[in-house]
PDB file of N, CA and C in Angstrom:
ATOM      1  N   MET A   1      11.801  12.270  -9.655  1.00  0.00           N
ATOM      2  CA  MET A   1      11.646  12.364 -11.096  1.00  0.00           C
ATOM      3  C   MET A   1      13.016  12.523 -11.744  1.00  0.00           C
ATOM      4  N   ALA A   2      13.177  11.902 -12.875  1.00  0.00           N
ATOM      5  CA  ALA A   2      14.451  11.945 -13.582  1.00  0.00           C
ATOM      6  C   ALA A   2      14.606  13.257 -14.339  1.00  0.00           C
ATOM      7  N   THR A   3      15.826  13.757 -14.336  1.00  0.00           N
ATOM      8  CA  THR A   3      16.131  14.943 -15.127  1.00  0.00           C
ATOM      9  C   THR A   3      17.053  14.523 -16.256  1.00  0.00           C
ATOM     10  N   ARG A   4      16.967  15.269 -17.349  1.00  0.00           N
ATOM     11  CA  ARG A   4      17.873  15.034 -18.472  1.00  0.00           C
ATOM     12  C   ARG A   4      18.136  16.354 -19.158  1.00  0.00           C
ATOM     13  N   VAL A   5      19.313  16.452 -19.763  1.00  0.00           N
ATOM     14  CA  VAL A   5      19.710  17.639 -20.505  1.00  0.00           C
ATOM     15  C   VAL A   5      19.900  17.226 -21.959  1.00  0.00           C
ATOM     16  N   ALA A   6      19.362  18.032 -22.866  1.00  0.00           N
ATOM     17  CA  ALA A   6      19.465  17.755 -24.296  1.00  0.00           C
ATOM     18  C   ALA A   6      19.887  19.020 -25.029  1.00  0.00           C
ATOM     19  N   ASP A   7      20.673  18.836 -26.084  1.00  0.00           N
ATOM     20  CA  ASP A   7      21.098  19.947 -26.932  1.00  0.00           C
ATOM     21  C   ASP A   7      20.072  20.120 -28.045  1.00  0.00           C
ATOM     22  N   ASN A   8      19.335  21.217 -28.003  1.00  0.00           N
ATOM     23  CA  ASN A   8      18.359  21.548 -29.038  1.00  0.00           C
ATOM     24  C   ASN A   8      19.076  22.471 -30.027  1.00  0.00           C
ATOM     25  N   THR A   9      19.739  21.878 -31.013  1.00  0.00           N
ATOM     26  CA  THR A   9      20.561  22.658 -31.944  1.00  0.00           C
ATOM     27  C   THR A   9      19.720  23.602 -32.795  1.00  0.00           C
ATOM     28  N   ASP A  10      18.467  23.261 -33.064  1.00  0.00           N
ATOM     29  CA  ASP A  10      17.596  24.144 -33.851  1.00  0.00           C
ATOM     30  C   ASP A  10      17.349  25.467 -33.131  1.00  0.00           C
ATOM     31  N   GLU A  11      17.323  25.435 -31.805  1.00  0.00           N
ATOM     32  CA  GLU A  11      17.084  26.638 -30.995  1.00  0.00           C
ATOM     33  C   GLU A  11      18.376  27.207 -30.409  1.00  0.00           C
ATOM     34  N   SER A  12      19.508  26.538 -30.659  1.00  0.00           N
ATOM     35  CA  SER A  12      20.810  26.933 -30.091  1.00  0.00           C
ATOM     36  C   SER A  12      20.725  27.057 -28.570  1.00  0.00           C
ATOM     37  N   ARG A  13      20.238  25.989 -27.968  1.00  0.00           N
ATOM     38  CA  ARG A  13      20.162  25.982 -26.513  1.00  0.00           C
ATOM     39  C   ARG A  13      20.168  24.551 -25.982  1.00  0.00           C
ATOM     40  N   PHE A  14      20.743  24.428 -24.789  1.00  0.00           N
ATOM     41  CA  PHE A  14      20.643  23.184 -24.048  1.00  0.00           C
ATOM     42  C   PHE A  14      19.407  23.313 -23.173  1.00  0.00           C
ATOM     43  N   GLU A  15      18.632  22.246 -23.109  1.00  0.00           N
ATOM     44  CA  GLU A  15      17.392  22.264 -22.339  1.00  0.00           C
ATOM     45  C   GLU A  15      17.458  21.205 -21.251  1.00  0.00           C
ATOM     46  N   ILE A  16      16.905  21.536 -20.092  1.00  0.00           N
ATOM     47  CA  ILE A  16      16.818  20.568 -19.002  1.00  0.00           C
ATOM     48  C   ILE A  16      15.354  20.216 -18.798  1.00  0.00           C
ATOM     49  N   PHE A  17      15.111  18.929 -18.689  1.00  0.00           N
ATOM     50  CA  PHE A  17      13.764  18.404 -18.501  1.00  0.00           C
ATOM     51  C   PHE A  17      13.686  17.723 -17.149  1.00  0.00           C
ATOM     52  N   ASP A  18      12.593  17.952 -16.462  1.00  0.00           N
ATOM     53  CA  ASP A  18      12.331  17.314 -15.185  1.00  0.00           C
ATOM     54  C   ASP A  18      11.044  16.522 -15.327  1.00  0.00           C
ATOM     55  N   GLY A  19      11.172  15.211 -15.277  1.00  0.00           N
ATOM     56  CA  GLY A  19       9.992  14.366 -15.429  1.00  0.00           C
ATOM     57  C   GLY A  19       9.290  14.567 -16.760  1.00  0.00           C
ATOM     58  N   GLY A  20      10.033  14.866 -17.807  1.00  0.00           N
ATOM     59  CA  GLY A  20       9.451  15.056 -19.130  1.00  0.00           C
ATOM     60  C   GLY A  20       9.017  16.474 -19.439  1.00  0.00           C
ATOM     61  N   GLU A  21       9.016  17.361 -18.441  1.00  0.00           N
ATOM     62  CA  GLU A  21       8.628  18.760 -18.654  1.00  0.00           C
ATOM     63  C   GLU A  21       9.861  19.624 -18.833  1.00  0.00           C
ATOM     64  N   LEU A  22       9.793  20.562 -19.784  1.00  0.00           N
ATOM     65  CA  LEU A  22      10.879  21.516 -19.962  1.00  0.00           C
ATOM     66  C   LEU A  22      10.948  22.399 -18.719  1.00  0.00           C
ATOM     67  N   ALA A  23      12.106  22.368 -18.038  1.00  0.00           N
ATOM     68  CA  ALA A  23      12.267  23.119 -16.796  1.00  0.00           C
ATOM     69  C   ALA A  23      13.150  24.348 -16.977  1.00  0.00           C
ATOM     70  N   GLY A  24      13.981  24.355 -18.017  1.00  0.00           N
ATOM     71  CA  GLY A  24      14.867  25.489 -18.227  1.00  0.00           C
ATOM     72  C   GLY A  24      15.788  25.265 -19.405  1.00  0.00           C
ATOM     73  N   PHE A  25      16.659  26.265 -19.633  1.00  0.00           N
ATOM     74  CA  PHE A  25      17.555  26.182 -20.785  1.00  0.00           C
ATOM     75  C   PHE A  25      18.738  27.131 -20.619  1.00  0.00           C
ATOM     76  N   VAL A  26      19.766  26.868 -21.409  1.00  0.00           N
ATOM     77  CA  VAL A  26      20.916  27.759 -21.574  1.00  0.00           C
ATOM     78  C   VAL A  26      21.045  28.039 -23.062  1.00  0.00           C
ATOM     79  N   GLU A  27      20.936  29.304 -23.446  1.00  0.00           N
ATOM     80  CA  GLU A  27      21.129  29.680 -24.846  1.00  0.00           C
ATOM     81  C   GLU A  27      22.621  29.820 -25.121  1.00  0.00           C
ATOM     82  N   TYR A  28      23.030  29.434 -26.321  1.00  0.00           N
ATOM     83  CA  TYR A  28      24.441  29.519 -26.669  1.00  0.00           C
ATOM     84  C   TYR A  28      24.622  29.939 -28.116  1.00  0.00           C
ATOM     85  N   HIS A  29      25.855  30.317 -28.418  1.00  0.00           N
ATOM     86  CA  HIS A  29      26.270  30.587 -29.794  1.00  0.00           C
ATOM     87  C   HIS A  29      27.593  29.867 -29.999  1.00  0.00           C
ATOM     88  N   ARG A  30      27.661  29.048 -31.033  1.00  0.00           N
ATOM     89  CA  ARG A  30      28.906  28.344 -31.353  1.00  0.00           C
ATOM     90  C   ARG A  30      29.557  28.982 -32.562  1.00  0.00           C
ATOM     91  N   PHE A  31      30.883  29.090 -32.485  1.00  0.00           N
ATOM     92  CA  PHE A  31      31.672  29.590 -33.609  1.00  0.00           C
ATOM     93  C   PHE A  31      33.026  28.904 -33.544  1.00  0.00           C
ATOM     94  N   ARG A  32      33.321  28.156 -34.590  1.00  0.00           N
ATOM     95  CA  ARG A  32      34.572  27.386 -34.670  1.00  0.00           C
ATOM     96  C   ARG A  32      34.741  26.520 -33.423  1.00  0.00           C
ATOM     97  N   ASP A  33      35.804  26.776 -32.646  1.00  0.00           N
ATOM     98  CA  ASP A  33      36.069  25.942 -31.471  1.00  0.00           C
ATOM     99  C   ASP A  33      35.646  26.627 -30.167  1.00  0.00           C
ATOM    100  N   GLU A  34      34.699  27.560 -30.267  1.00  0.00           N
ATOM    101  CA  GLU A  34      34.218  28.278 -29.093  1.00  0.00           C
ATOM    102  C   GLU A  34      32.711  28.097 -28.933  1.00  0.00           C
ATOM    103  N   ILE A  35      32.300  28.147 -27.669  1.00  0.00           N
ATOM    104  CA  ILE A  35      30.875  28.189 -27.360  1.00  0.00           C
ATOM    105  C   ILE A  35      30.668  29.317 -26.355  1.00  0.00           C
ATOM    106  N   ALA A  36      29.800  30.232 -26.701  1.00  0.00           N
ATOM    107  CA  ALA A  36      29.461  31.354 -25.834  1.00  0.00           C
ATOM    108  C   ALA A  36      28.107  31.064 -25.194  1.00  0.00           C
ATOM    109  N   PHE A  37      28.091  31.016 -23.869  1.00  0.00           N
ATOM    110  CA  PHE A  37      26.834  30.846 -23.154  1.00  0.00           C
ATOM    111  C   PHE A  37      26.260  32.231 -22.879  1.00  0.00           C
ATOM    112  N   LEU A  38      25.031  32.448 -23.337  1.00  0.00           N
ATOM    113  CA  LEU A  38      24.438  33.784 -23.360  1.00  0.00           C
ATOM    114  C   LEU A  38      23.397  34.036 -22.275  1.00  0.00           C
ATOM    115  N   HIS A  39      22.576  33.060 -21.984  1.00  0.00           N
ATOM    116  CA  HIS A  39      21.455  33.280 -21.071  1.00  0.00           C
ATOM    117  C   HIS A  39      20.991  31.942 -20.504  1.00  0.00           C
ATOM    118  N   THR A  40      20.750  31.920 -19.208  1.00  0.00           N
ATOM    119  CA  THR A  40      20.218  30.728 -18.545  1.00  0.00           C
ATOM    120  C   THR A  40      18.903  31.097 -17.888  1.00  0.00           C
ATOM    121  N   GLU A  41      17.957  30.204 -17.998  1.00  0.00           N
ATOM    122  CA  GLU A  41      16.646  30.445 -17.393  1.00  0.00           C
ATOM    123  C   GLU A  41      16.073  29.130 -16.865  1.00  0.00           C
ATOM    124  N   ILE A  42      15.598  29.162 -15.630  1.00  0.00           N
ATOM    125  CA  ILE A  42      14.877  28.031 -15.038  1.00  0.00           C
ATOM    126  C   ILE A  42      13.467  28.518 -14.732  1.00  0.00           C
ATOM    127  N   ASP A  43      12.486  27.775 -15.188  1.00  0.00           N
ATOM    128  CA  ASP A  43      11.093  28.119 -14.923  1.00  0.00           C
ATOM    129  C   ASP A  43      10.892  28.184 -13.404  1.00  0.00           C
ATOM    130  N   PRO A  44      10.265  29.250 -12.905  1.00  0.00           N
ATOM    131  CA  PRO A  44      10.066  29.396 -11.456  1.00  0.00           C
ATOM    132  C   PRO A  44       9.374  28.201 -10.801  1.00  0.00           C
ATOM    133  N   ARG A  45       8.561  27.494 -11.553  1.00  0.00           N
ATOM    134  CA  ARG A  45       7.888  26.312 -10.997  1.00  0.00           C
ATOM    135  C   ARG A  45       8.880  25.237 -10.573  1.00  0.00           C
ATOM    136  N   PHE A  46      10.103  25.278 -11.139  1.00  0.00           N
ATOM    137  CA  PHE A  46      11.122  24.271 -10.864  1.00  0.00           C
ATOM    138  C   PHE A  46      12.252  24.821  -9.997  1.00  0.00           C
ATOM    139  N   GLY A  47      12.075  26.021  -9.483  1.00  0.00           N
ATOM    140  CA  GLY A  47      13.101  26.671  -8.678  1.00  0.00           C
ATOM    141  C   GLY A  47      13.397  25.933  -7.381  1.00  0.00           C
ATOM    142  N   GLY A  48      14.611  26.108  -6.887  1.00  0.00           N
ATOM    143  CA  GLY A  48      14.997  25.529  -5.613  1.00  0.00           C
ATOM    144  C   GLY A  48      15.319  24.057  -5.637  1.00  0.00           C
ATOM    145  N   ARG A  49      15.425  23.470  -6.812  1.00  0.00           N
ATOM    146  CA  ARG A  49      15.700  22.033  -6.928  1.00  0.00           C
ATOM    147  C   ARG A  49      17.122  21.748  -7.403  1.00  0.00           C
ATOM    148  N   GLY A  50      17.900  22.806  -7.615  1.00  0.00           N
ATOM    149  CA  GLY A  50      19.271  22.603  -8.079  1.00  0.00           C
ATOM    150  C   GLY A  50      19.394  22.330  -9.565  1.00  0.00           C
ATOM    151  N   LEU A  51      18.317  22.578 -10.305  1.00  0.00           N
ATOM    152  CA  LEU A  51      18.361  22.289 -11.738  1.00  0.00           C
ATOM    153  C   LEU A  51      19.292  23.221 -12.490  1.00  0.00           C
ATOM    154  N   GLY A  52      19.430  24.457 -12.031  1.00  0.00           N
ATOM    155  CA  GLY A  52      20.362  25.384 -12.672  1.00  0.00           C
ATOM    156  C   GLY A  52      21.786  24.871 -12.598  1.00  0.00           C
ATOM    157  N   GLY A  53      22.176  24.394 -11.426  1.00  0.00           N
ATOM    158  CA  GLY A  53      23.516  23.825 -11.263  1.00  0.00           C
ATOM    159  C   GLY A  53      23.715  22.566 -12.080  1.00  0.00           C
ATOM    160  N   THR A  54      22.695  21.722 -12.115  1.00  0.00           N
ATOM    161  CA  THR A  54      22.770  20.500 -12.933  1.00  0.00           C
ATOM    162  C   THR A  54      22.948  20.865 -14.400  1.00  0.00           C
ATOM    163  N   LEU A  55      22.208  21.868 -14.843  1.00  0.00           N
ATOM    164  CA  LEU A  55      22.297  22.315 -16.232  1.00  0.00           C
ATOM    165  C   LEU A  55      23.678  22.892 -16.521  1.00  0.00           C
ATOM    166  N   ALA A  56      24.177  23.747 -15.626  1.00  0.00           N
ATOM    167  CA  ALA A  56      25.505  24.348 -15.826  1.00  0.00           C
ATOM    168  C   ALA A  56      26.573  23.270 -15.929  1.00  0.00           C
ATOM    169  N   ARG A  57      26.575  22.321 -15.006  1.00  0.00           N
ATOM    170  CA  ARG A  57      27.565  21.245 -15.034  1.00  0.00           C
ATOM    171  C   ARG A  57      27.462  20.452 -16.341  1.00  0.00           C
ATOM    172  N   SER A  58      26.255  20.159 -16.758  1.00  0.00           N
ATOM    173  CA  SER A  58      26.053  19.366 -17.983  1.00  0.00           C
ATOM    174  C   SER A  58      26.582  20.080 -19.218  1.00  0.00           C
ATOM    175  N   VAL A  59      26.291  21.380 -19.346  1.00  0.00           N
ATOM    176  CA  VAL A  59      26.732  22.094 -20.555  1.00  0.00           C
ATOM    177  C   VAL A  59      28.246  22.268 -20.554  1.00  0.00           C
ATOM    178  N   LEU A  60      28.828  22.463 -19.378  1.00  0.00           N
ATOM    179  CA  LEU A  60      30.285  22.599 -19.309  1.00  0.00           C
ATOM    180  C   LEU A  60      30.973  21.260 -19.541  1.00  0.00           C
ATOM    181  N   ASP A  61      30.384  20.179 -19.050  1.00  0.00           N
ATOM    182  CA  ASP A  61      30.929  18.847 -19.346  1.00  0.00           C
ATOM    183  C   ASP A  61      30.879  18.569 -20.851  1.00  0.00           C
ATOM    184  N   GLU A  62      29.801  18.979 -21.495  1.00  0.00           N
ATOM    185  CA  GLU A  62      29.681  18.782 -22.940  1.00  0.00           C
ATOM    186  C   GLU A  62      30.720  19.625 -23.681  1.00  0.00           C
ATOM    187  N   ALA A  63      30.934  20.853 -23.250  1.00  0.00           N
ATOM    188  CA  ALA A  63      31.963  21.699 -23.865  1.00  0.00           C
ATOM    189  C   ALA A  63      33.332  21.050 -23.725  1.00  0.00           C
ATOM    190  N   ARG A  64      33.615  20.508 -22.549  1.00  0.00           N
ATOM    191  CA  ARG A  64      34.893  19.813 -22.317  1.00  0.00           C
ATOM    192  C   ARG A  64      35.015  18.614 -23.253  1.00  0.00           C
ATOM    193  N   LYS A  65      33.965  17.840 -23.344  1.00  0.00           N
ATOM    194  CA  LYS A  65      33.967  16.637 -24.187  1.00  0.00           C
ATOM    195  C   LYS A  65      34.249  16.994 -25.652  1.00  0.00           C
ATOM    196  N   GLN A  66      33.682  18.113 -26.110  1.00  0.00           N
ATOM    197  CA  GLN A  66      33.864  18.536 -27.500  1.00  0.00           C
ATOM    198  C   GLN A  66      35.103  19.421 -27.691  1.00  0.00           C
ATOM    199  N   GLU A  67      35.872  19.613 -26.602  1.00  0.00           N
ATOM    200  CA  GLU A  67      37.085  20.432 -26.625  1.00  0.00           C
ATOM    201  C   GLU A  67      36.814  21.852 -27.111  1.00  0.00           C
ATOM    202  N   LEU A  68      35.717  22.427 -26.603  1.00  0.00           N
ATOM    203  CA  LEU A  68      35.336  23.798 -26.948  1.00  0.00           C
ATOM    204  C   LEU A  68      35.853  24.765 -25.892  1.00  0.00           C
ATOM    205  N   LYS A  69      36.232  25.944 -26.334  1.00  0.00           N
ATOM    206  CA  LYS A  69      36.588  27.028 -25.427  1.00  0.00           C
ATOM    207  C   LYS A  69      35.289  27.712 -25.011  1.00  0.00           C
ATOM    208  N   VAL A  70      35.164  27.984 -23.728  1.00  0.00           N
ATOM    209  CA  VAL A  70      33.928  28.533 -23.169  1.00  0.00           C
ATOM    210  C   VAL A  70      34.059  30.039 -22.950  1.00  0.00           C
ATOM    211  N   LEU A  71      33.054  30.771 -23.411  1.00  0.00           N
ATOM    212  CA  LEU A  71      32.943  32.208 -23.167  1.00  0.00           C
ATOM    213  C   LEU A  71      31.660  32.416 -22.355  1.00  0.00           C
ATOM    214  N   PRO A  72      31.788  32.595 -21.031  1.00  0.00           N
ATOM    215  CA  PRO A  72      30.604  32.666 -20.161  1.00  0.00           C
ATOM    216  C   PRO A  72      30.016  34.073 -20.054  1.00  0.00           C
ATOM    217  N   PHE A  73      29.342  34.524 -21.095  1.00  0.00           N
ATOM    218  CA  PHE A  73      28.676  35.828 -21.052  1.00  0.00           C
ATOM    219  C   PHE A  73      27.483  35.811 -20.098  1.00  0.00           C
ATOM    220  N   CYS A  74      26.850  34.667 -19.943  1.00  0.00           N
ATOM    221  CA  CYS A  74      25.697  34.523 -19.043  1.00  0.00           C
ATOM    222  C   CYS A  74      26.161  34.670 -17.596  1.00  0.00           C
ATOM    223  N   PRO A  75      25.543  35.582 -16.828  1.00  0.00           N
ATOM    224  CA  PRO A  75      25.950  35.768 -15.422  1.00  0.00           C
ATOM    225  C   PRO A  75      25.809  34.495 -14.577  1.00  0.00           C
ATOM    226  N   PHE A  76      24.802  33.683 -14.850  1.00  0.00           N
ATOM    227  CA  PHE A  76      24.625  32.461 -14.064  1.00  0.00           C
ATOM    228  C   PHE A  76      25.770  31.492 -14.322  1.00  0.00           C
ATOM    229  N   ILE A  77      26.101  31.243 -15.572  1.00  0.00           N
ATOM    230  CA  ILE A  77      27.195  30.327 -15.905  1.00  0.00           C
ATOM    231  C   ILE A  77      28.515  30.879 -15.371  1.00  0.00           C
ATOM    232  N   ARG A  78      28.723  32.173 -15.524  1.00  0.00           N
ATOM    233  CA  ARG A  78      29.947  32.809 -15.027  1.00  0.00           C
ATOM    234  C   ARG A  78      30.049  32.641 -13.510  1.00  0.00           C
ATOM    235  N   GLY A  79      28.955  32.859 -12.798  1.00  0.00           N
ATOM    236  CA  GLY A  79      28.943  32.684 -11.347  1.00  0.00           C
ATOM    237  C   GLY A  79      29.189  31.247 -10.942  1.00  0.00           C
ATOM    238  N   TRP A  80      28.617  30.325 -11.682  1.00  0.00           N
ATOM    239  CA  TRP A  80      28.796  28.906 -11.383  1.00  0.00           C
ATOM    240  C   TRP A  80      30.260  28.525 -11.577  1.00  0.00           C
ATOM    241  N   LEU A  81      30.869  29.030 -12.644  1.00  0.00           N
ATOM    242  CA  LEU A  81      32.294  28.774 -12.881  1.00  0.00           C
ATOM    243  C   LEU A  81      33.143  29.300 -11.731  1.00  0.00           C
ATOM    244  N   GLY A  82      32.788  30.460 -11.210  1.00  0.00           N
ATOM    245  CA  GLY A  82      33.527  31.035 -10.100  1.00  0.00           C
ATOM    246  C   GLY A  82      33.496  30.172  -8.849  1.00  0.00           C
ATOM    247  N   LYS A  83      32.437  29.385  -8.691  1.00  0.00           N
ATOM    248  CA  LYS A  83      32.296  28.503  -7.528  1.00  0.00           C
ATOM    249  C   LYS A  83      32.856  27.105  -7.782  1.00  0.00           C
ATOM    250  N   HIS A  84      33.211  26.818  -9.022  1.00  0.00           N
ATOM    251  CA  HIS A  84      33.713  25.488  -9.400  1.00  0.00           C
ATOM    252  C   HIS A  84      34.989  25.644 -10.219  1.00  0.00           C
ATOM    253  N   PRO A  85      36.093  25.940  -9.537  1.00  0.00           N
ATOM    254  CA  PRO A  85      37.348  26.229 -10.245  1.00  0.00           C
ATOM    255  C   PRO A  85      37.863  25.085 -11.107  1.00  0.00           C
ATOM    256  N   GLU A  86      37.362  23.886 -10.892  1.00  0.00           N
ATOM    257  CA  GLU A  86      37.794  22.757 -11.726  1.00  0.00           C
ATOM    258  C   GLU A  86      37.315  22.900 -13.168  1.00  0.00           C
ATOM    259  N   TYR A  87      36.455  23.870 -13.433  1.00  0.00           N
ATOM    260  CA  TYR A  87      35.964  24.108 -14.791  1.00  0.00           C
ATOM    261  C   TYR A  87      36.558  25.360 -15.440  1.00  0.00           C
ATOM    262  N   THR A  88      37.281  26.166 -14.683  1.00  0.00           N
ATOM    263  CA  THR A  88      37.746  27.443 -15.239  1.00  0.00           C
ATOM    264  C   THR A  88      38.749  27.279 -16.371  1.00  0.00           C
ATOM    265  N   GLU A  89      39.411  26.118 -16.461  1.00  0.00           N
ATOM    266  CA  GLU A  89      40.348  25.931 -17.575  1.00  0.00           C
ATOM    267  C   GLU A  89      39.635  25.869 -18.921  1.00  0.00           C
ATOM    268  N   LEU A  90      38.314  25.726 -18.914  1.00  0.00           N
ATOM    269  CA  LEU A  90      37.562  25.739 -20.169  1.00  0.00           C
ATOM    270  C   LEU A  90      37.530  27.132 -20.793  1.00  0.00           C
ATOM    271  N   VAL A  91      37.688  28.155 -19.949  1.00  0.00           N
ATOM    272  CA  VAL A  91      37.722  29.534 -20.426  1.00  0.00           C
ATOM    273  C   VAL A  91      39.169  29.863 -20.787  1.00  0.00           C
ATOM    274  N   PRO A  92      39.408  30.363 -21.995  1.00  0.00           N
ATOM    275  CA  PRO A  92      40.783  30.695 -22.377  1.00  0.00           C
ATOM    276  C   PRO A  92      41.425  31.621 -21.333  1.00  0.00           C
ATOM    277  N   GLU A  93      42.667  31.331 -20.987  1.00  0.00           N
ATOM    278  CA  GLU A  93      43.385  32.102 -19.968  1.00  0.00           C
ATOM    279  C   GLU A  93      43.332  33.605 -20.251  1.00  0.00           C
ATOM    280  N   ALA A  94      43.456  33.973 -21.508  1.00  0.00           N
ATOM    281  CA  ALA A  94      43.438  35.398 -21.885  1.00  0.00           C
ATOM    282  C   ALA A  94      42.091  36.055 -21.616  1.00  0.00           C
ATOM    283  N   GLN A  95      41.042  35.256 -21.396  1.00  0.00           N
ATOM    284  CA  GLN A  95      39.701  35.782 -21.155  1.00  0.00           C
ATOM    285  C   GLN A  95      39.316  35.777 -19.673  1.00  0.00           C
ATOM    286  N   HIS A  96      40.162  35.252 -18.806  1.00  0.00           N
ATOM    287  CA  HIS A  96      39.809  35.130 -17.386  1.00  0.00           C
ATOM    288  C   HIS A  96      39.479  36.484 -16.765  1.00  0.00           C
ATOM    289  N   ALA A  97      40.308  37.477 -16.998  1.00  0.00           N
ATOM    290  CA  ALA A  97      40.054  38.799 -16.407  1.00  0.00           C
ATOM    291  C   ALA A  97      38.744  39.386 -16.932  1.00  0.00           C
ATOM    292  N   ARG A  98      38.493  39.210 -18.188  1.00  0.00           N
ATOM    293  CA  ARG A  98      37.250  39.731 -18.810  1.00  0.00           C
ATOM    294  C   ARG A  98      36.021  39.197 -18.094  1.00  0.00           C
ATOM    295  N   PHE A  99      36.082  37.921 -17.681  1.00  0.00           N
ATOM    296  CA  PHE A  99      34.924  37.283 -17.058  1.00  0.00           C
ATOM    297  C   PHE A  99      35.058  37.187 -15.536  1.00  0.00           C
ATOM    298  N   GLY A 100      36.057  37.848 -14.966  1.00  0.00           N
ATOM    299  CA  GLY A 100      36.213  37.868 -13.528  1.00  0.00           C
ATOM    300  C   GLY A 100      36.593  36.536 -12.925  1.00  0.00           C
ATOM    301  N   LEU A 101      37.344  35.765 -13.673  1.00  0.00           N
ATOM    302  CA  LEU A 101      37.794  34.462 -13.181  1.00  0.00           C
ATOM    303  C   LEU A 101      39.230  34.567 -12.794  1.00  0.00           C
TER     304      LEU A 101
END
C-alpha cells in the first residue's frame, strides 16, 4: 500500500496516510523561520511498519526545502535526529546542547 505525507495546515500537523487511512501525525508550531515539532503519534494499528521514520524524514525534508530552523521538542523527532546526523544541521547550532545533539 502506498504511503503519503501531507501538511494539514488547519490542524498544524503533518499527517501520514497508509493506503488512504490516517496512520499518524506530527504536530508543529511555526513562527517566522522556525518550525517546532511538538508531538508525534502513530496509530498502534500501523505500528512496526516504519511509518514513524518515514514521517520524520518527510517533515525534516520539508523543513529543509523551506529553509526552516528545526526545534525538535518532540522526543521521537529528537531521537530520530540523533540517529540521522545528516539532518542535525537543521537545528540551530546554539540549540544542539538543549536538544542533546
